Amino acid sequence: MRRVARPPAFSLVELVVATVVAVLLVGAVSGSVLAAQRLQGRSQRIGSGVAAAAALWEQLRSLPFCAAGAAAGTLTQRVFPHADAALNDADAWFGTQAQDGCAPGTFFSVTEQDGVALHVAATFCVVGPEGWAPVTPDRLSAYSPLSPPSARLLVRVRAGDDPADLIAGVLTGISDPSLEAEDPQ
């Protein structure tokens, strides 16, 4: 008896192997797509955080350093309103101890800009014989935003906890030589 030729076909083993390979490929591709989506979302958050921090930085740079009789429109009133821990609250506080890489005597605040929460740290600093130094908390005991202990304020603006979102610089104001005396240690 003659055998009838059957058309070529895959065996059951070949079909199982092909299915496993296809499932592995689909899993790898979907994992890559999900990772790309997460990366894009993080990139957008960082971009909006940096843009908000830059916008706040420009606002702060445009403010007068301090001015007698001014409403809450000066740099010192905006980023360093007081030096009294008793007046601290959840969104604005005077740090008597070193915190977040900042010296004791730094004022911290959380503000919102363009829907992004921004963390602002402000430290008065002086230029002494050994370079920049923060004004110590004891020199801030009688602090007033209208008579600052220094004409230089180191301001850091950060969106989130990522150091890449940090904008920092020294903003200067009045030129009173008595404010530039070496900080007593």
N, C-alpha and C. Protein backbone atom coordinates (compact mmCIF):
# COMPACT_ATOMS: atom_id res chain seq x y z
N MET A 1 0.82 -1.15 0.00
CA MET A 1 0.00 0.00 0.00
C MET A 1 0.89 1.24 0.00
N ARG A 2 0.42 2.11 -0.75
CA ARG A 2 1.16 3.34 -0.92
C ARG A 2 0.75 4.38 0.09
N ARG A 3 1.74 5.07 0.60
CA ARG A 3 1.42 6.14 1.57
C ARG A 3 1.07 7.41 0.83
N VAL A 4 0.09 8.06 1.37
CA VAL A 4 -0.31 9.35 0.79
C VAL A 4 0.57 10.42 1.44
N ALA A 5 1.16 11.23 0.62
CA ALA A 5 2.04 12.27 1.15
C ALA A 5 1.21 13.36 1.82
N ARG A 6 1.59 13.65 3.04
CA ARG A 6 0.89 14.71 3.78
C ARG A 6 1.69 16.00 3.62
N PRO A 7 1.00 17.11 3.63
CA PRO A 7 1.73 18.37 3.54
C PRO A 7 2.61 18.54 4.79
N PRO A 8 3.77 19.22 4.63
CA PRO A 8 4.64 19.38 5.79
C PRO A 8 3.92 20.18 6.89
N ALA A 9 4.13 19.83 8.12
CA ALA A 9 3.49 20.49 9.26
C ALA A 9 4.44 20.47 10.46
N PHE A 10 4.11 21.28 11.43
CA PHE A 10 4.92 21.33 12.65
C PHE A 10 4.49 20.23 13.59
N SER A 11 5.44 19.71 14.28
CA SER A 11 5.11 18.71 15.29
C SER A 11 4.64 19.44 16.55
N LEU A 12 4.09 18.75 17.45
CA LEU A 12 3.60 19.32 18.70
C LEU A 12 4.75 19.96 19.48
N VAL A 13 5.90 19.36 19.51
CA VAL A 13 7.06 19.89 20.23
C VAL A 13 7.48 21.22 19.61
N GLU A 14 7.51 21.27 18.28
CA GLU A 14 7.89 22.51 17.60
C GLU A 14 6.90 23.63 17.91
N LEU A 15 5.63 23.33 17.96
CA LEU A 15 4.61 24.33 18.28
C LEU A 15 4.77 24.85 19.71
N VAL A 16 5.07 23.98 20.65
CA VAL A 16 5.26 24.39 22.04
C VAL A 16 6.49 25.30 22.16
N VAL A 17 7.58 24.93 21.50
CA VAL A 17 8.81 25.73 21.54
C VAL A 17 8.55 27.10 20.91
N ALA A 18 7.88 27.15 19.80
CA ALA A 18 7.59 28.42 19.13
C ALA A 18 6.70 29.31 20.00
N THR A 19 5.75 28.73 20.70
CA THR A 19 4.87 29.49 21.58
C THR A 19 5.65 30.07 22.75
N VAL A 20 6.54 29.28 23.34
CA VAL A 20 7.35 29.75 24.46
C VAL A 20 8.24 30.91 24.01
N VAL A 21 8.87 30.77 22.86
CA VAL A 21 9.73 31.85 22.33
C VAL A 21 8.91 33.11 22.09
N ALA A 22 7.73 32.99 21.53
CA ALA A 22 6.86 34.14 21.27
C ALA A 22 6.45 34.83 22.57
N VAL A 23 6.12 34.04 23.59
CA VAL A 23 5.72 34.61 24.89
C VAL A 23 6.91 35.35 25.52
N LEU A 24 8.10 34.79 25.44
CA LEU A 24 9.29 35.45 25.98
C LEU A 24 9.57 36.77 25.25
N LEU A 25 9.45 36.78 23.95
CA LEU A 25 9.66 38.00 23.18
C LEU A 25 8.63 39.08 23.53
N VAL A 26 7.38 38.70 23.64
CA VAL A 26 6.34 39.66 24.00
C VAL A 26 6.61 40.22 25.40
N GLY A 27 7.02 39.37 26.34
CA GLY A 27 7.33 39.83 27.69
C GLY A 27 8.49 40.80 27.71
N ALA A 28 9.54 40.52 26.96
CA ALA A 28 10.70 41.41 26.91
C ALA A 28 10.35 42.76 26.30
N VAL A 29 9.59 42.74 25.23
CA VAL A 29 9.21 43.99 24.57
C VAL A 29 8.28 44.80 25.47
N SER A 30 7.33 44.16 26.13
CA SER A 30 6.41 44.91 27.00
C SER A 30 7.15 45.48 28.19
N GLY A 31 8.14 44.76 28.73
CA GLY A 31 8.96 45.30 29.83
C GLY A 31 9.72 46.54 29.39
N SER A 32 10.25 46.52 28.19
CA SER A 32 10.97 47.69 27.67
C SER A 32 10.03 48.87 27.47
N VAL A 33 8.85 48.61 26.97
CA VAL A 33 7.87 49.69 26.76
C VAL A 33 7.47 50.30 28.10
N LEU A 34 7.24 49.48 29.12
CA LEU A 34 6.87 50.00 30.44
C LEU A 34 8.01 50.81 31.05
N ALA A 35 9.24 50.33 30.90
CA ALA A 35 10.39 51.07 31.42
C ALA A 35 10.52 52.42 30.72
N ALA A 36 10.31 52.46 29.43
CA ALA A 36 10.37 53.72 28.68
C ALA A 36 9.28 54.68 29.13
N GLN A 37 8.10 54.18 29.41
CA GLN A 37 7.01 55.04 29.89
C GLN A 37 7.34 55.62 31.27
N ARG A 38 7.89 54.80 32.16
CA ARG A 38 8.28 55.30 33.48
C ARG A 38 9.36 56.36 33.36
N LEU A 39 10.33 56.13 32.50
CA LEU A 39 11.42 57.08 32.29
C LEU A 39 10.89 58.40 31.73
N GLN A 40 9.95 58.31 30.82
CA GLN A 40 9.36 59.52 30.25
C GLN A 40 8.60 60.30 31.33
N GLY A 41 7.86 59.61 32.19
CA GLY A 41 7.14 60.28 33.27
C GLY A 41 8.09 60.96 34.24
N ARG A 42 9.18 60.28 34.59
CA ARG A 42 10.19 60.88 35.50
C ARG A 42 10.84 62.09 34.84
N SER A 43 11.13 61.97 33.57
CA SER A 43 11.75 63.08 32.84
C SER A 43 10.82 64.29 32.82
N GLN A 44 9.53 64.07 32.63
CA GLN A 44 8.57 65.18 32.64
C GLN A 44 8.48 65.81 34.02
N ARG A 45 8.50 64.99 35.09
CA ARG A 45 8.46 65.53 36.46
C ARG A 45 9.71 66.36 36.75
N ILE A 46 10.86 65.86 36.35
CA ILE A 46 12.10 66.60 36.56
C ILE A 46 12.06 67.91 35.78
N GLY A 47 11.62 67.84 34.54
CA GLY A 47 11.54 69.05 33.71
C GLY A 47 10.62 70.09 34.31
N SER A 48 9.47 69.67 34.79
CA SER A 48 8.54 70.63 35.39
C SER A 48 9.09 71.15 36.71
N GLY A 49 9.80 70.30 37.47
CA GLY A 49 10.41 70.74 38.72
C GLY A 49 11.50 71.76 38.49
N VAL A 50 12.36 71.52 37.52
CA VAL A 50 13.43 72.47 37.21
C VAL A 50 12.85 73.78 36.68
N ALA A 51 11.83 73.69 35.85
CA ALA A 51 11.20 74.90 35.31
C ALA A 51 10.56 75.72 36.43
N ALA A 52 9.88 75.05 37.35
CA ALA A 52 9.26 75.76 38.48
C ALA A 52 10.33 76.38 39.38
N ALA A 53 11.40 75.64 39.65
CA ALA A 53 12.49 76.18 40.48
C ALA A 53 13.14 77.38 39.80
N ALA A 54 13.33 77.31 38.50
CA ALA A 54 13.93 78.43 37.77
C ALA A 54 13.00 79.65 37.79
N ALA A 55 11.70 79.43 37.67
CA ALA A 55 10.75 80.56 37.72
C ALA A 55 10.77 81.22 39.09
N LEU A 56 10.80 80.42 40.16
CA LEU A 56 10.87 80.99 41.51
C LEU A 56 12.20 81.72 41.70
N TRP A 57 13.28 81.14 41.21
CA TRP A 57 14.60 81.77 41.33
C TRP A 57 14.58 83.16 40.68
N GLU A 58 14.00 83.26 39.51
CA GLU A 58 13.93 84.56 38.82
C GLU A 58 13.08 85.56 39.61
N GLN A 59 12.00 85.08 40.21
CA GLN A 59 11.18 85.95 41.06
C GLN A 59 12.00 86.47 42.24
N LEU A 60 12.74 85.57 42.88
CA LEU A 60 13.54 85.97 44.05
C LEU A 60 14.63 86.96 43.64
N ARG A 61 15.26 86.72 42.51
CA ARG A 61 16.32 87.63 42.04
C ARG A 61 15.79 89.03 41.74
N SER A 62 14.52 89.12 41.38
CA SER A 62 13.96 90.43 41.01
C SER A 62 13.53 91.24 42.24
N LEU A 63 13.47 90.62 43.42
CA LEU A 63 13.02 91.32 44.62
C LEU A 63 14.15 92.19 45.19
N PRO A 64 13.80 93.35 45.78
CA PRO A 64 14.83 94.10 46.49
C PRO A 64 15.29 93.28 47.70
N PHE A 65 16.56 93.40 48.06
CA PHE A 65 17.11 92.61 49.15
C PHE A 65 16.35 92.87 50.45
N CYS A 66 16.33 94.12 50.88
CA CYS A 66 15.52 94.52 52.03
C CYS A 66 15.25 96.01 51.86
N ALA A 67 14.14 96.46 52.36
CA ALA A 67 13.78 97.88 52.23
C ALA A 67 12.87 98.27 53.38
N ALA A 68 13.19 99.37 54.02
CA ALA A 68 12.35 99.86 55.12
C ALA A 68 11.00 100.26 54.56
N GLY A 69 9.95 99.89 55.26
CA GLY A 69 8.60 100.28 54.88
C GLY A 69 8.00 99.44 53.76
N ALA A 70 8.75 98.48 53.25
CA ALA A 70 8.22 97.64 52.17
C ALA A 70 7.26 96.61 52.75
N ALA A 71 6.27 96.27 51.97
CA ALA A 71 5.36 95.19 52.38
C ALA A 71 6.15 93.89 52.25
N ALA A 72 5.48 92.77 52.16
CA ALA A 72 6.17 91.47 52.09
C ALA A 72 6.78 91.28 50.71
N GLY A 73 7.39 92.32 50.17
CA GLY A 73 7.93 92.24 48.82
C GLY A 73 9.44 92.30 48.74
N THR A 74 10.13 91.94 49.80
CA THR A 74 11.59 91.93 49.74
C THR A 74 12.09 90.50 49.82
N LEU A 75 13.31 90.31 49.38
CA LEU A 75 13.90 88.98 49.42
C LEU A 75 13.98 88.46 50.85
N THR A 76 14.45 89.29 51.77
CA THR A 76 14.58 88.82 53.16
C THR A 76 13.23 88.47 53.76
N GLN A 77 12.19 89.23 53.45
CA GLN A 77 10.86 88.91 53.98
C GLN A 77 10.32 87.63 53.36
N ARG A 78 10.67 87.36 52.10
CA ARG A 78 10.12 86.19 51.41
C ARG A 78 10.81 84.90 51.83
N VAL A 79 12.16 84.90 51.94
CA VAL A 79 12.86 83.63 52.20
C VAL A 79 13.43 83.51 53.60
N PHE A 80 13.42 84.60 54.40
CA PHE A 80 13.97 84.53 55.76
C PHE A 80 13.13 85.46 56.64
N PRO A 81 11.83 85.14 56.85
CA PRO A 81 10.95 86.05 57.57
C PRO A 81 11.23 86.18 59.07
N HIS A 82 11.84 85.16 59.67
CA HIS A 82 12.14 85.25 61.11
C HIS A 82 13.28 84.31 61.47
N ALA A 83 13.81 84.50 62.67
CA ALA A 83 14.88 83.63 63.19
C ALA A 83 14.50 83.17 64.58
N ASP A 84 13.24 82.75 64.72
CA ASP A 84 12.72 82.34 66.02
C ASP A 84 12.04 80.99 65.86
N ALA A 85 12.63 79.95 66.44
CA ALA A 85 12.08 78.60 66.32
C ALA A 85 10.67 78.50 66.89
N ALA A 86 10.29 79.41 67.78
CA ALA A 86 8.93 79.38 68.35
C ALA A 86 7.88 79.75 67.31
N LEU A 87 8.28 80.40 66.23
CA LEU A 87 7.33 80.79 65.17
C LEU A 87 7.27 79.77 64.03
N ASN A 88 8.00 78.67 64.16
CA ASN A 88 8.05 77.66 63.10
C ASN A 88 6.69 77.01 62.88
N ASP A 89 6.45 76.60 61.64
CA ASP A 89 5.29 75.77 61.33
C ASP A 89 5.71 74.73 60.30
N ALA A 90 4.78 73.96 59.79
CA ALA A 90 5.11 72.84 58.90
C ALA A 90 5.69 73.30 57.56
N ASP A 91 5.37 74.52 57.13
CA ASP A 91 5.83 74.99 55.82
C ASP A 91 6.96 76.01 55.89
N ALA A 92 7.32 76.47 57.07
CA ALA A 92 8.38 77.47 57.21
C ALA A 92 8.99 77.35 58.60
N TRP A 93 10.31 77.14 58.65
CA TRP A 93 10.94 76.96 59.95
C TRP A 93 12.39 77.44 59.93
N PHE A 94 12.81 77.92 61.11
CA PHE A 94 14.19 78.34 61.33
C PHE A 94 14.94 77.16 61.92
N GLY A 95 16.02 76.76 61.27
CA GLY A 95 16.80 75.61 61.72
C GLY A 95 17.95 76.04 62.61
N THR A 96 17.90 75.64 63.86
CA THR A 96 18.99 75.98 64.78
C THR A 96 20.13 74.97 64.70
N GLN A 97 19.89 73.84 64.05
CA GLN A 97 20.90 72.80 63.86
C GLN A 97 21.14 72.61 62.35
N ALA A 98 22.27 72.01 62.00
CA ALA A 98 22.55 71.69 60.60
C ALA A 98 21.48 70.72 60.10
N GLN A 99 21.03 70.93 58.88
CA GLN A 99 19.94 70.11 58.34
C GLN A 99 20.02 70.14 56.81
N ASP A 100 19.80 69.01 56.17
CA ASP A 100 19.77 68.90 54.70
C ASP A 100 21.00 69.53 54.04
N GLY A 101 22.15 69.36 54.65
CA GLY A 101 23.37 69.91 54.08
C GLY A 101 23.53 71.41 54.27
N CYS A 102 22.68 72.02 55.08
CA CYS A 102 22.73 73.47 55.33
C CYS A 102 23.24 73.73 56.75
N ALA A 103 23.86 74.87 56.91
CA ALA A 103 24.44 75.25 58.21
C ALA A 103 23.35 75.59 59.22
N PRO A 104 23.68 75.52 60.52
CA PRO A 104 22.74 76.02 61.54
C PRO A 104 22.46 77.50 61.25
N GLY A 105 21.23 77.92 61.51
CA GLY A 105 20.85 79.30 61.24
C GLY A 105 20.24 79.48 59.86
N THR A 106 19.86 78.38 59.22
CA THR A 106 19.23 78.44 57.90
C THR A 106 17.73 78.47 58.07
N PHE A 107 17.06 79.23 57.20
CA PHE A 107 15.59 79.26 57.21
C PHE A 107 15.10 78.40 56.06
N PHE A 108 14.18 77.48 56.35
CA PHE A 108 13.64 76.55 55.37
C PHE A 108 12.17 76.87 55.13
N SER A 109 11.74 76.75 53.89
CA SER A 109 10.31 76.91 53.60
C SER A 109 9.93 76.02 52.43
N VAL A 110 8.64 75.69 52.38
CA VAL A 110 8.08 74.92 51.28
C VAL A 110 7.04 75.81 50.64
N THR A 111 7.16 76.01 49.34
CA THR A 111 6.23 76.86 48.62
C THR A 111 5.81 76.16 47.34
N GLU A 112 4.78 76.64 46.70
CA GLU A 112 4.32 76.04 45.46
C GLU A 112 4.50 77.02 44.32
N GLN A 113 5.00 76.51 43.21
CA GLN A 113 5.20 77.31 42.01
C GLN A 113 4.74 76.47 40.83
N ASP A 114 3.78 76.93 40.08
CA ASP A 114 3.28 76.22 38.90
C ASP A 114 2.86 74.79 39.22
N GLY A 115 2.25 74.60 40.40
CA GLY A 115 1.77 73.27 40.79
C GLY A 115 2.84 72.33 41.30
N VAL A 116 4.06 72.83 41.50
CA VAL A 116 5.17 71.99 41.98
C VAL A 116 5.58 72.48 43.37
N ALA A 117 5.72 71.55 44.32
CA ALA A 117 6.19 71.91 45.66
C ALA A 117 7.70 72.14 45.60
N LEU A 118 8.13 73.31 46.05
CA LEU A 118 9.54 73.67 46.04
C LEU A 118 10.04 73.85 47.46
N HIS A 119 11.25 73.39 47.72
CA HIS A 119 11.89 73.53 49.02
C HIS A 119 12.94 74.63 48.90
N VAL A 120 12.85 75.64 49.76
CA VAL A 120 13.76 76.78 49.71
C VAL A 120 14.54 76.80 51.02
N ALA A 121 15.86 76.97 50.91
CA ALA A 121 16.72 77.11 52.09
C ALA A 121 17.51 78.39 51.91
N ALA A 122 17.53 79.24 52.96
CA ALA A 122 18.23 80.53 52.89
C ALA A 122 19.15 80.66 54.09
N THR A 123 20.41 81.00 53.82
CA THR A 123 21.42 81.15 54.86
C THR A 123 22.16 82.47 54.65
N PHE A 124 22.16 83.34 55.66
CA PHE A 124 22.97 84.55 55.56
C PHE A 124 24.43 84.14 55.64
N CYS A 125 25.27 84.79 54.84
CA CYS A 125 26.69 84.47 54.87
C CYS A 125 27.52 85.73 54.78
N VAL A 126 28.74 85.63 55.28
CA VAL A 126 29.68 86.74 55.26
C VAL A 126 30.96 86.27 54.60
N VAL A 127 31.73 87.23 54.14
CA VAL A 127 33.04 86.93 53.56
C VAL A 127 34.08 87.33 54.58
N GLY A 128 34.82 86.36 55.06
CA GLY A 128 35.87 86.61 56.03
C GLY A 128 37.22 86.32 55.41
N PRO A 129 38.27 86.34 56.21
CA PRO A 129 39.60 86.10 55.68
C PRO A 129 39.78 84.70 55.09
N GLU A 130 38.96 83.76 55.53
CA GLU A 130 39.07 82.38 55.02
C GLU A 130 37.99 82.07 53.99
N GLY A 131 37.30 83.08 53.48
CA GLY A 131 36.27 82.86 52.46
C GLY A 131 34.88 82.98 53.04
N TRP A 132 33.93 82.33 52.37
CA TRP A 132 32.52 82.38 52.76
C TRP A 132 32.29 81.62 54.05
N ALA A 133 31.44 82.18 54.90
CA ALA A 133 31.06 81.50 56.14
C ALA A 133 29.61 81.86 56.46
N PRO A 134 28.84 80.89 56.97
CA PRO A 134 27.46 81.20 57.34
C PRO A 134 27.43 82.08 58.59
N VAL A 135 26.42 82.93 58.67
CA VAL A 135 26.20 83.72 59.89
C VAL A 135 25.69 82.74 60.95
N THR A 136 26.28 82.78 62.12
CA THR A 136 25.92 81.83 63.16
C THR A 136 24.57 82.20 63.79
N PRO A 137 23.85 81.20 64.32
CA PRO A 137 22.53 81.46 64.90
C PRO A 137 22.54 82.51 66.01
N ASP A 138 23.64 82.61 66.79
CA ASP A 138 23.66 83.60 67.87
C ASP A 138 23.63 85.03 67.32
N ARG A 139 24.14 85.24 66.12
CA ARG A 139 24.08 86.58 65.51
C ARG A 139 22.69 86.88 64.95
N LEU A 140 21.82 85.88 64.92
CA LEU A 140 20.46 86.06 64.39
C LEU A 140 19.43 86.23 65.50
N SER A 141 19.85 86.31 66.75
CA SER A 141 18.90 86.35 67.87
C SER A 141 18.00 87.59 67.83
N ALA A 142 18.46 88.70 67.32
CA ALA A 142 17.64 89.92 67.22
C ALA A 142 17.33 90.23 65.76
N TYR A 143 17.18 89.17 64.95
CA TYR A 143 16.99 89.34 63.51
C TYR A 143 15.68 90.03 63.15
N SER A 144 15.76 90.88 62.14
CA SER A 144 14.59 91.49 61.51
C SER A 144 14.83 91.47 60.01
N PRO A 145 13.82 91.15 59.19
CA PRO A 145 14.01 91.16 57.74
C PRO A 145 14.43 92.53 57.21
N LEU A 146 14.19 93.58 58.00
CA LEU A 146 14.55 94.93 57.55
C LEU A 146 15.96 95.34 57.97
N SER A 147 16.58 94.57 58.85
CA SER A 147 17.98 94.86 59.20
C SER A 147 18.74 93.54 59.29
N PRO A 148 19.10 93.00 58.13
CA PRO A 148 19.75 91.69 58.09
C PRO A 148 21.17 91.73 58.64
N PRO A 149 21.68 90.59 59.09
CA PRO A 149 23.04 90.52 59.64
C PRO A 149 24.12 90.51 58.56
N SER A 150 23.72 90.40 57.31
CA SER A 150 24.67 90.35 56.20
C SER A 150 23.98 90.81 54.93
N ALA A 151 24.79 91.27 53.98
CA ALA A 151 24.23 91.70 52.70
C ALA A 151 24.27 90.57 51.68
N ARG A 152 24.55 89.36 52.14
CA ARG A 152 24.61 88.20 51.23
C ARG A 152 23.76 87.08 51.80
N LEU A 153 22.95 86.51 50.92
CA LEU A 153 22.03 85.45 51.31
C LEU A 153 22.19 84.29 50.34
N LEU A 154 22.67 83.16 50.85
CA LEU A 154 22.78 81.95 50.03
C LEU A 154 21.40 81.32 49.97
N VAL A 155 20.85 81.21 48.77
CA VAL A 155 19.50 80.67 48.60
C VAL A 155 19.60 79.42 47.72
N ARG A 156 18.93 78.36 48.19
CA ARG A 156 18.86 77.11 47.44
C ARG A 156 17.40 76.80 47.19
N VAL A 157 17.07 76.47 45.94
CA VAL A 157 15.70 76.10 45.57
C VAL A 157 15.76 74.69 44.99
N ARG A 158 14.93 73.80 45.53
CA ARG A 158 14.96 72.40 45.10
C ARG A 158 13.52 71.91 44.92
N ALA A 159 13.32 71.15 43.85
CA ALA A 159 12.02 70.50 43.62
C ALA A 159 12.20 69.03 43.93
N GLY A 160 11.54 68.53 44.94
CA GLY A 160 11.68 67.12 45.30
C GLY A 160 12.99 66.85 46.01
N ASP A 161 13.41 65.60 46.01
CA ASP A 161 14.62 65.19 46.71
C ASP A 161 15.81 64.98 45.79
N ASP A 162 15.61 65.19 44.51
CA ASP A 162 16.67 64.95 43.54
C ASP A 162 17.63 66.12 43.50
N PRO A 163 18.94 65.89 43.78
CA PRO A 163 19.90 67.00 43.73
C PRO A 163 19.98 67.64 42.36
N ALA A 164 19.57 66.93 41.31
CA ALA A 164 19.60 67.52 39.97
C ALA A 164 18.60 68.67 39.86
N ASP A 165 17.63 68.74 40.75
CA ASP A 165 16.63 69.79 40.71
C ASP A 165 17.05 71.02 41.50
N LEU A 166 18.31 71.13 41.88
CA LEU A 166 18.76 72.20 42.75
C LEU A 166 19.24 73.41 41.96
N ILE A 167 18.77 74.59 42.36
CA ILE A 167 19.28 75.86 41.85
C ILE A 167 19.76 76.61 43.09
N ALA A 168 21.00 77.07 43.07
CA ALA A 168 21.54 77.75 44.25
C ALA A 168 22.43 78.91 43.81
N GLY A 169 22.49 79.91 44.67
CA GLY A 169 23.37 81.04 44.41
C GLY A 169 23.29 82.02 45.56
N VAL A 170 24.22 82.95 45.56
CA VAL A 170 24.24 83.99 46.57
C VAL A 170 23.59 85.24 45.99
N LEU A 171 22.55 85.71 46.65
CA LEU A 171 21.89 86.95 46.25
C LEU A 171 22.38 88.05 47.17
N THR A 172 22.76 89.16 46.60
CA THR A 172 23.34 90.24 47.40
C THR A 172 22.40 91.42 47.46
N GLY A 173 22.65 92.24 48.48
CA GLY A 173 21.81 93.40 48.67
C GLY A 173 22.62 94.62 49.00
N ILE A 174 22.20 95.28 50.04
CA ILE A 174 22.80 96.54 50.43
C ILE A 174 24.29 96.40 50.65
N SER A 175 24.98 97.50 50.52
CA SER A 175 26.42 97.48 50.67
C SER A 175 26.78 98.26 51.92
N ASP A 176 26.61 97.65 53.04
CA ASP A 176 26.93 98.27 54.31
C ASP A 176 28.16 97.57 54.87
N PRO A 177 29.32 98.27 54.93
CA PRO A 177 30.54 97.62 55.38
C PRO A 177 30.41 96.98 56.77
N SER A 178 29.55 97.52 57.63
CA SER A 178 29.42 96.94 58.97
C SER A 178 28.82 95.53 58.90
N LEU A 179 28.09 95.22 57.82
CA LEU A 179 27.51 93.89 57.68
C LEU A 179 28.53 92.87 57.19
N GLU A 180 29.65 93.33 56.74
CA GLU A 180 30.65 92.43 56.16
C GLU A 180 31.76 92.08 57.13
N ALA A 181 31.64 92.49 58.36
CA ALA A 181 32.67 92.16 59.35
C ALA A 181 32.74 90.66 59.50
N GLU A 182 33.90 90.17 59.87
CA GLU A 182 34.07 88.73 60.02
C GLU A 182 33.09 88.21 61.06
N ASP A 183 32.51 87.09 60.76
CA ASP A 183 31.54 86.45 61.64
C ASP A 183 32.25 85.94 62.89
N PRO A 184 31.87 86.40 64.09
CA PRO A 184 32.53 85.91 65.30
C PRO A 184 32.18 84.44 65.53
N GLN A 185 33.16 83.65 65.78
CA GLN A 185 32.92 82.21 65.99
C GLN A 185 32.84 81.89 67.45
